[in-house]
């Protein structure tokens, strides 16, 4: 039996680079003097690592600050244009592709509707590849400048290589995807550089990562970030790390049973939470009660529902259903924070947040509920693409700015 792997000088150097790079990424700009106590590295190590990262083009000077009685201290920050990241959101009705600089400032975007709202995997692959080519061309960025591409999908992602598949396989029951080898299909389409790092994960989990790093979840160690769109999902954060479960399917909150024998869900079961609070189901319930949306897309139709003075009872019921679902999260996971996100969640939030909180308080156990706050997401409808882009970013930071070659699960998070 092999013993534990011994740490090498190369491992130590990479870890030191990762520590400094992450600290400057999330908390910069900082001086070399400030980095010492913040990273627990010696002044010599800080000097060596900073020199390497500057030489690699990953860090740059960002002005100076006065010091007590000495020379001004030079501030350092991550260089925004040291690399580029792409985020893809394969949504329920469209595909969004965004290109970002290294600090996740948007450079270009493409929104492409899915033909007839259908998720034929070959069509989706063509749309993703064309979208990536378009945003790169618009921003005048060569593909080799991409650190990686993150892709959020509406389904369960299995990256274990089960069944002999190469790369991530997607199980999207609600959209008719049964073990779709999405990563292999993207690599075989001939439109992407063969060595381009691709990272595929559930859309709710990419949204959760974005909100934890940059939005309403920042600073929490135990949280649940929910995605309410056409469907419903969640990202469970346990001790700062997204919880995956044994095969990556943890977080399918929308398919927990809210009412035995209740409304038929898109997944085929009855009584799922998604069948009551997902945008598609909510609009169906509105039509059943006499509503007449005129918008062709779900976002416009949901806005019409909110403006309908006759929809008050329907919205009150929805708030109670959602509050009961959130109470389940409180009782199961005891989070310190629950974030309501997704395009539909953000659209409904201003109207429903307070009644949702009241319903959650009524259905949850009192003690864990008292330790929980329920907030709206802060990153807007682009959170899934931002979160998708953080997948290659997280690996890049964890590797200290080295090339991405490993496919091990990402467990690093913002400090």
Protein backbone atom coordinates (compact mmCIF):
# COMPACT_ATOMS: atom_id res chain seq x y z
CA UNK A 1 0.00 0.00 0.00
CA UNK A 2 1.45 3.35 -1.05
CA UNK A 3 2.16 5.86 1.68
CA UNK A 4 1.09 9.50 1.67
CA UNK A 5 2.65 11.66 -1.03
CA UNK A 6 5.53 13.80 0.29
CA UNK A 7 5.35 17.53 -0.27
CA UNK A 8 8.05 18.85 -2.55
CA UNK A 9 9.69 22.25 -2.93
CA UNK A 10 7.57 22.66 -6.06
CA UNK A 11 4.39 22.06 -4.01
CA UNK A 12 5.48 24.65 -1.45
CA UNK A 13 6.24 27.21 -4.15
CA UNK A 14 2.86 26.63 -5.83
CA UNK A 15 1.02 26.92 -2.52
CA UNK A 16 2.81 30.16 -1.67
CA UNK A 17 1.94 31.58 -5.09
CA UNK A 18 -1.69 30.52 -4.65
CA UNK A 19 -1.87 32.09 -1.18
CA UNK A 20 -0.54 35.45 -2.37
CA UNK A 21 -2.55 35.46 -5.60
CA UNK A 22 -5.83 34.66 -3.83
CA UNK A 23 -5.28 37.28 -1.14
CA UNK A 24 -4.59 39.98 -3.73
CA UNK A 25 -7.46 38.83 -5.92
CA UNK A 26 -10.09 39.07 -3.21
CA UNK A 27 -8.65 41.73 -0.89
CA UNK A 28 -6.21 43.76 -3.01
CA UNK A 29 -4.65 46.10 -3.67
CA UNK A 30 -2.20 45.45 -0.82
CA UNK A 31 1.44 46.24 -0.13
CA UNK A 32 4.15 43.64 0.38
CA UNK A 33 4.26 44.63 4.05
CA UNK A 34 0.53 43.96 4.43
CA UNK A 35 0.75 40.61 2.68
CA UNK A 36 3.09 39.16 5.31
CA UNK A 37 0.73 39.01 8.31
CA UNK A 38 -2.28 38.33 6.06
CA UNK A 39 -0.70 35.24 4.52
CA UNK A 40 1.60 34.09 7.37
CA UNK A 41 4.50 34.02 4.90
CA UNK A 42 7.94 35.42 5.65
CA UNK A 43 9.07 38.68 4.08
CA UNK A 44 11.57 36.73 1.98
CA UNK A 45 8.86 34.40 0.66
CA UNK A 46 6.59 37.36 -0.09
CA UNK A 47 9.40 39.08 -2.01
CA UNK A 48 10.17 35.97 -4.06
CA UNK A 49 6.55 35.14 -4.83
CA UNK A 50 5.62 38.71 -5.77
CA UNK A 51 8.65 38.97 -8.05
CA UNK A 52 7.61 35.75 -9.82
CA UNK A 53 3.98 36.81 -10.22
CA UNK A 54 4.99 40.24 -11.54
CA UNK A 55 7.38 38.61 -14.00
CA UNK A 56 4.58 36.29 -15.14
CA UNK A 57 2.33 39.29 -15.77
CA UNK A 58 -0.19 38.28 -13.11
CA UNK A 59 0.43 41.23 -10.76
CA UNK A 60 0.96 44.93 -11.38
CA UNK A 61 1.59 48.04 -9.31
CA UNK A 62 -1.49 50.01 -8.25
CA UNK A 63 -0.10 53.21 -6.75
CA UNK A 64 1.37 53.71 -3.30
CA UNK A 65 0.42 54.67 0.24
CA UNK A 66 2.35 56.63 2.85
CA UNK A 67 4.05 54.68 5.61
CA UNK A 68 4.87 55.83 9.15
CA UNK A 69 8.17 57.64 8.84
CA UNK A 70 9.44 55.64 5.86
CA UNK A 71 9.21 55.51 2.11
CA UNK A 72 5.78 55.13 0.53
CA UNK A 73 4.67 51.51 0.17
CA UNK A 74 3.88 50.24 -3.31
CA UNK A 75 0.45 48.64 -3.68
CA UNK A 76 -0.01 45.50 -5.76
CA UNK A 77 -3.07 44.14 -7.50
CA UNK A 78 -4.00 41.37 -9.89
CA UNK A 79 -3.52 42.53 -13.50
CA UNK A 80 -7.01 42.61 -15.07
CA UNK A 81 -5.77 41.66 -18.55
CA UNK A 82 -3.41 38.84 -17.56
CA UNK A 83 -5.95 36.35 -18.90
CA UNK A 84 -9.56 35.96 -19.97
CA UNK A 85 -12.42 33.76 -18.80
CA UNK A 86 -15.65 32.68 -20.46
CA UNK A 87 -18.89 31.78 -18.72
CA UNK A 88 -21.78 29.95 -20.40
CA UNK A 89 -25.32 29.64 -19.06
CA UNK A 90 -27.31 26.92 -20.82
CA UNK A 91 -30.69 28.09 -19.62
CA UNK A 92 -34.22 26.87 -20.08
CA UNK A 93 -35.01 29.03 -23.11
CA UNK A 94 -31.67 30.48 -24.26
CA UNK A 95 -27.91 30.18 -24.08
CA UNK A 96 -25.88 33.11 -22.74
CA UNK A 97 -22.14 33.36 -23.36
CA UNK A 98 -20.06 36.06 -21.68
CA UNK A 99 -16.38 36.92 -21.93
CA UNK A 100 -14.63 38.45 -18.92
CA UNK A 101 -11.21 39.80 -18.07
CA UNK A 102 -9.36 38.25 -15.14
CA UNK A 103 -11.23 40.42 -12.61
CA UNK A 104 -14.59 39.31 -14.10
CA UNK A 105 -15.40 42.61 -15.76
CA UNK A 106 -17.58 41.83 -18.77
CA UNK A 107 -15.98 42.36 -22.20
CA UNK A 108 -18.62 40.87 -24.52
CA UNK A 109 -21.80 38.82 -24.42
CA UNK A 110 -24.13 36.87 -26.68
CA UNK A 111 -27.69 35.74 -25.95
CA UNK A 112 -28.99 33.08 -28.33
CA UNK A 113 -32.52 31.65 -28.04
CA UNK A 114 -32.91 27.89 -28.17
CA UNK A 115 -34.86 26.77 -31.24
CA UNK A 116 -38.48 26.42 -30.09
CA UNK A 117 -37.16 26.23 -26.53
CA UNK A 118 -35.91 22.69 -27.19
CA UNK A 119 -32.63 21.36 -25.80
CA UNK A 120 -31.36 19.19 -28.63
CA UNK A 121 -27.81 18.60 -27.45
CA UNK A 122 -26.29 19.03 -30.90
CA UNK A 123 -28.02 22.40 -31.32
CA UNK A 124 -26.84 23.49 -27.89
CA UNK A 125 -23.24 22.56 -28.69
CA UNK A 126 -23.36 24.54 -31.96
CA UNK A 127 -24.82 27.57 -30.15
CA UNK A 128 -22.17 27.45 -27.40
CA UNK A 129 -19.30 27.12 -29.89
CA UNK A 130 -20.65 29.94 -32.07
CA UNK A 131 -21.22 32.14 -29.02
CA UNK A 132 -17.66 31.65 -27.81
CA UNK A 133 -16.29 32.51 -31.26
CA UNK A 134 -18.46 35.64 -31.39
CA UNK A 135 -17.49 37.07 -27.98
CA UNK A 136 -13.81 36.42 -28.66
CA UNK A 137 -14.07 38.20 -32.01
CA UNK A 138 -15.98 41.15 -30.54
CA UNK A 139 -13.38 41.64 -27.80
CA UNK A 140 -10.49 40.91 -30.18
CA UNK A 141 -9.20 38.16 -27.90
CA UNK A 142 -7.42 35.11 -29.30
CA UNK A 143 -8.60 31.71 -28.01
CA UNK A 144 -5.15 30.97 -26.57
CA UNK A 145 -5.66 33.88 -24.14
CA UNK A 146 -8.54 32.02 -22.47
CA UNK A 147 -7.73 30.57 -19.06
CA UNK A 148 -10.78 28.37 -19.42
CA UNK A 149 -14.51 28.13 -20.09
CA UNK A 150 -17.08 27.38 -17.39
CA UNK A 151 -20.51 26.06 -18.37
CA UNK A 152 -23.63 26.01 -16.18
CA UNK A 153 -26.27 23.46 -17.19
CA UNK A 154 -29.83 22.63 -16.04
CA UNK A 155 -29.15 19.15 -14.76
CA UNK A 156 -26.95 16.80 -12.76
CA UNK A 157 -23.30 16.72 -13.84
CA UNK A 158 -21.30 13.52 -13.55
CA UNK A 159 -17.57 14.05 -14.14
CA UNK A 160 -16.55 10.63 -12.81
CA UNK A 161 -16.08 9.03 -16.21
CA UNK A 162 -18.86 6.53 -15.53
CA UNK A 163 -19.73 4.35 -18.50
CA UNK A 164 -16.44 5.12 -20.23
CA UNK A 165 -17.41 8.71 -21.02
CA UNK A 166 -14.67 11.29 -21.45
CA UNK A 167 -15.37 14.47 -19.52
CA UNK A 168 -18.56 15.75 -17.96
CA UNK A 169 -21.85 13.94 -18.63
CA UNK A 170 -25.15 15.75 -18.01
CA UNK A 171 -28.35 14.14 -16.73
CA UNK A 172 -31.08 16.72 -17.33
CA UNK A 173 -34.32 14.89 -16.76
CA UNK A 174 -36.51 18.01 -17.04
CA UNK A 175 -35.04 18.93 -20.45
CA UNK A 176 -34.81 15.42 -21.87
CA UNK A 177 -31.05 14.92 -21.45
CA UNK A 178 -30.17 11.37 -20.45
CA UNK A 179 -26.40 10.98 -19.96
CA UNK A 180 -25.47 13.59 -22.58
CA UNK A 181 -21.62 13.64 -22.97
CA UNK A 182 -21.59 17.42 -23.24
CA UNK A 183 -17.87 17.98 -22.73
CA UNK A 184 -16.91 15.36 -25.32
CA UNK A 185 -19.43 16.81 -27.78
CA UNK A 186 -17.98 20.29 -27.33
CA UNK A 187 -14.45 19.01 -27.87
CA UNK A 188 -15.51 17.00 -30.92
CA UNK A 189 -17.34 19.88 -32.60
CA UNK A 190 -14.08 21.16 -34.09
CA UNK A 191 -14.71 24.78 -33.12
CA UNK A 192 -12.73 24.96 -29.85
CA UNK A 193 -8.97 24.73 -29.27
CA UNK A 194 -8.27 21.09 -28.28
CA UNK A 195 -6.39 22.06 -25.10
CA UNK A 196 -8.94 24.64 -23.91
CA UNK A 197 -9.90 23.80 -20.29
CA UNK A 198 -13.65 23.20 -19.97
CA UNK A 199 -15.52 23.04 -16.64
CA UNK A 200 -19.15 21.91 -16.53
CA UNK A 201 -21.39 22.15 -13.47
CA UNK A 202 -25.02 22.56 -12.51
CA UNK A 203 -26.26 26.13 -13.07
CA UNK A 204 -27.50 26.51 -9.50
CA UNK A 205 -24.04 25.59 -8.25
CA UNK A 206 -22.31 28.09 -10.50
CA UNK A 207 -24.73 30.77 -9.31
CA UNK A 208 -24.02 29.73 -5.73
CA UNK A 209 -20.28 30.04 -6.23
CA UNK A 210 -20.69 33.54 -7.68
CA UNK A 211 -22.90 34.74 -4.81
CA UNK A 212 -20.52 33.25 -2.24
CA UNK A 213 -17.48 34.92 -3.76
CA UNK A 214 -18.87 38.28 -4.82
CA UNK A 215 -22.50 38.64 -3.72
CA UNK A 216 -24.98 38.05 -0.93
CA UNK A 217 -23.22 34.95 0.41
CA UNK A 218 -19.82 36.56 0.89
CA UNK A 219 -18.45 35.99 4.39
CA UNK A 220 -20.74 33.06 5.22
CA UNK A 221 -19.34 29.57 5.84
CA UNK A 222 -22.63 27.67 5.82
CA UNK A 223 -25.24 28.87 3.35
CA UNK A 224 -27.72 27.82 0.70
CA UNK A 225 -27.97 29.78 -2.54
CA UNK A 226 -31.18 29.06 -4.43
CA UNK A 227 -31.86 29.44 -8.13
CA UNK A 228 -35.46 30.10 -9.12
CA UNK A 229 -35.92 30.35 -12.87
CA UNK A 230 -38.04 28.19 -15.13
CA UNK A 231 -36.91 25.43 -12.80
CA UNK A 232 -35.62 25.43 -9.24
CA UNK A 233 -32.31 24.36 -7.75
CA UNK A 234 -29.90 25.15 -4.94
CA UNK A 235 -26.23 25.19 -4.03
CA UNK A 236 -25.50 24.00 -0.50
CA UNK A 237 -22.32 25.46 1.02
CA UNK A 238 -20.96 23.46 3.97
CA UNK A 239 -18.00 24.97 5.83
CA UNK A 240 -17.15 27.13 2.84
CA UNK A 241 -17.25 24.33 0.25
CA UNK A 242 -20.07 23.44 -2.19
CA UNK A 243 -21.58 20.12 -1.12
CA UNK A 244 -21.74 17.72 -4.08
CA UNK A 245 -23.08 14.45 -2.67
CA UNK A 246 -21.83 11.02 -3.74
CA UNK A 247 -22.36 11.59 -7.47
CA UNK A 248 -22.72 15.37 -7.82
CA UNK A 249 -26.51 15.58 -7.61
CA UNK A 250 -26.82 17.29 -4.21
CA UNK A 251 -28.86 20.48 -4.35
CA UNK A 252 -31.83 19.29 -6.43
CA UNK A 253 -34.08 21.21 -4.04
CA UNK A 254 -36.71 21.83 -6.70
CA UNK A 255 -37.45 18.10 -6.80
CA UNK A 256 -38.09 17.66 -3.10
CA UNK A 257 -41.72 16.75 -2.46
CA UNK A 258 -43.87 19.61 -1.24
CA UNK A 259 -47.25 17.88 -1.60
CA UNK A 260 -47.75 14.13 -1.96
CA UNK A 261 -49.78 13.45 -5.09
CA UNK A 262 -49.69 17.14 -6.00
CA UNK A 263 -49.14 18.92 -9.30
CA UNK A 264 -47.20 17.14 -12.02
CA UNK A 265 -43.61 18.37 -12.28
CA UNK A 266 -41.54 18.53 -15.45
CA UNK A 267 -39.40 15.71 -14.06
CA UNK A 268 -42.45 13.41 -14.18
CA UNK A 269 -43.05 13.17 -10.43
CA UNK A 270 -45.93 14.80 -8.54
CA UNK A 271 -45.82 17.45 -5.85
CA UNK A 272 -42.26 18.77 -6.41
CA UNK A 273 -41.46 22.25 -5.13
CA UNK A 274 -40.61 23.26 -8.71
CA UNK A 275 -44.20 22.48 -9.75
CA UNK A 276 -45.38 25.31 -7.48
CA UNK A 277 -42.68 28.01 -7.52
CA UNK A 278 -40.76 27.55 -10.78
CA UNK A 279 -41.56 30.25 -13.35
CA UNK A 280 -42.93 27.80 -15.90
CA UNK A 281 -45.27 26.24 -13.34
CA UNK A 282 -46.26 29.59 -11.85
CA UNK A 283 -47.28 30.89 -15.27
CA UNK A 284 -49.26 27.70 -15.87
CA UNK A 285 -51.10 28.20 -12.58
CA UNK A 286 -51.80 31.81 -13.57
CA UNK A 287 -53.34 30.70 -16.86
CA UNK A 288 -55.46 28.16 -15.02
CA UNK A 289 -56.80 30.95 -12.82
CA UNK A 290 -57.70 33.15 -15.81
CA UNK A 291 -54.45 34.98 -16.53
CA UNK A 292 -53.63 35.87 -20.14
CA UNK A 293 -49.93 36.62 -20.69
CA UNK A 294 -49.14 38.31 -23.99
CA UNK A 295 -45.33 38.13 -23.84
CA UNK A 296 -43.69 35.38 -25.84
CA UNK A 297 -40.94 34.84 -23.27
CA UNK A 298 -41.22 33.73 -19.64
CA UNK A 299 -39.53 36.81 -18.20
CA UNK A 300 -42.00 39.17 -19.86
CA UNK A 301 -44.94 36.95 -18.91
CA UNK A 302 -43.85 36.81 -15.27
CA UNK A 303 -43.61 40.60 -15.21
CA UNK A 304 -47.20 40.72 -16.50
CA UNK A 305 -48.29 38.33 -13.75
CA UNK A 306 -46.77 40.60 -11.11
CA UNK A 307 -48.58 43.60 -12.60
CA UNK A 308 -51.95 41.80 -12.67
CA UNK A 309 -54.12 43.09 -9.77
CA UNK A 310 -56.03 39.77 -9.84
CA UNK A 311 -52.93 37.68 -9.09
CA UNK A 312 -52.66 38.53 -5.39
CA UNK A 313 -53.99 35.20 -4.10
CA UNK A 314 -51.77 33.24 -6.48
CA UNK A 315 -48.69 35.16 -5.33
CA UNK A 316 -49.64 34.71 -1.68
CA UNK A 317 -49.88 30.95 -2.24
CA UNK A 318 -46.53 30.97 -4.04
CA UNK A 319 -44.91 32.81 -1.13
CA UNK A 320 -46.20 30.17 1.28
CA UNK A 321 -44.97 27.32 -0.92
CA UNK A 322 -41.56 28.93 -1.26
CA UNK A 323 -41.40 29.70 2.46
CA UNK A 324 -42.19 26.07 3.26
CA UNK A 325 -39.44 24.94 0.89
CA UNK A 326 -36.97 27.32 2.53
CA UNK A 327 -38.02 26.03 5.95
CA UNK A 328 -36.96 22.57 4.78
CA UNK A 329 -33.51 23.99 3.96
CA UNK A 330 -33.34 25.58 7.42
CA UNK A 331 -34.27 22.35 9.17
CA UNK A 332 -31.99 20.14 7.05
CA UNK A 333 -28.84 22.23 6.79
CA UNK A 334 -28.97 24.85 9.56
CA UNK A 335 -27.43 27.53 7.29
CA UNK A 336 -26.49 30.97 8.56
CA UNK A 337 -27.71 32.50 5.30
CA UNK A 338 -30.15 31.61 2.53
CA UNK A 339 -29.88 33.57 -0.73
CA UNK A 340 -32.81 33.71 -3.16
CA UNK A 341 -31.46 34.07 -6.69
CA UNK A 342 -32.18 33.22 -10.30
CA UNK A 343 -33.93 35.53 -12.75
CA UNK A 344 -37.42 34.61 -11.51
CA UNK A 345 -36.36 34.73 -7.86
CA UNK A 346 -35.01 38.26 -8.32
CA UNK A 347 -38.14 39.32 -10.22
CA UNK A 348 -40.46 37.92 -7.56
CA UNK A 349 -38.28 38.90 -4.60
CA UNK A 350 -39.37 42.52 -4.02
CA UNK A 351 -43.01 41.38 -3.88
CA UNK A 352 -42.60 38.07 -2.05
CA UNK A 353 -39.56 38.29 0.22
CA UNK A 354 -41.36 39.40 3.38
CA UNK A 355 -44.25 36.88 3.10
CA UNK A 356 -41.66 34.19 2.27
CA UNK A 357 -39.80 35.03 5.47
CA UNK A 358 -43.04 34.82 7.48
CA UNK A 359 -43.94 31.47 5.95
CA UNK A 360 -40.44 30.09 6.52
CA UNK A 361 -40.61 31.17 10.17
CA UNK A 362 -43.96 29.41 10.54
CA UNK A 363 -42.75 26.10 9.05
CA UNK A 364 -39.16 25.95 10.32
CA UNK A 365 -37.95 24.95 13.76
CA UNK A 366 -37.60 28.12 15.82
CA UNK A 367 -34.01 27.77 16.98
CA UNK A 368 -32.30 27.16 13.60
CA UNK A 369 -34.55 29.71 11.92
CA UNK A 370 -33.43 32.33 14.44
CA UNK A 371 -29.83 31.76 13.30
CA UNK A 372 -30.67 32.21 9.59
CA UNK A 373 -31.09 35.27 7.39
CA UNK A 374 -32.96 35.16 4.07
CA UNK A 375 -31.72 37.61 1.46
CA UNK A 376 -32.01 38.32 -2.26
CA UNK A 377 -29.07 37.66 -4.54
CA UNK A 378 -26.98 40.68 -5.45
CA UNK A 379 -25.46 39.73 -8.79
CA UNK A 380 -28.52 39.97 -11.00
CA UNK A 381 -29.52 37.66 -13.84
CA UNK A 382 -25.88 37.24 -14.98
CA UNK A 383 -24.92 35.35 -11.82
CA UNK A 384 -24.90 31.93 -13.53
CA UNK A 385 -22.42 33.05 -16.21
CA UNK A 386 -20.27 34.85 -13.64
CA UNK A 387 -20.32 31.72 -11.50
CA UNK A 388 -19.49 29.54 -14.48
CA UNK A 389 -16.45 31.73 -15.20
CA UNK A 390 -15.29 31.28 -11.60
CA UNK A 391 -14.85 27.53 -12.20
CA UNK A 392 -11.66 27.93 -14.28
CA UNK A 393 -10.73 30.96 -12.20
CA UNK A 394 -10.87 28.91 -8.98
CA UNK A 395 -8.55 26.28 -10.45
CA UNK A 396 -6.17 28.93 -11.79
CA UNK A 397 -5.92 30.60 -8.38
CA UNK A 398 -5.54 27.27 -6.61
CA UNK A 399 -2.65 26.40 -8.93
CA UNK A 400 -0.92 29.69 -8.18
CA UNK A 401 -1.42 30.95 -11.72
CA UNK A 402 0.04 27.86 -13.37
CA UNK A 403 -1.47 26.14 -16.37
CA UNK A 404 -4.62 24.15 -15.65
CA UNK A 405 -3.95 20.47 -16.15
CA UNK A 406 -5.69 18.76 -13.23
CA UNK A 407 -9.33 17.68 -13.30
CA UNK A 408 -9.71 17.09 -9.58
CA UNK A 409 -12.83 18.62 -7.95
CA UNK A 410 -12.48 22.27 -7.01
CA UNK A 411 -12.66 22.75 -3.25
CA UNK A 412 -11.06 26.15 -2.88
CA UNK A 413 -13.06 29.24 -1.99
CA UNK A 414 -12.63 32.90 -1.28
CA UNK A 415 -11.11 33.79 2.03
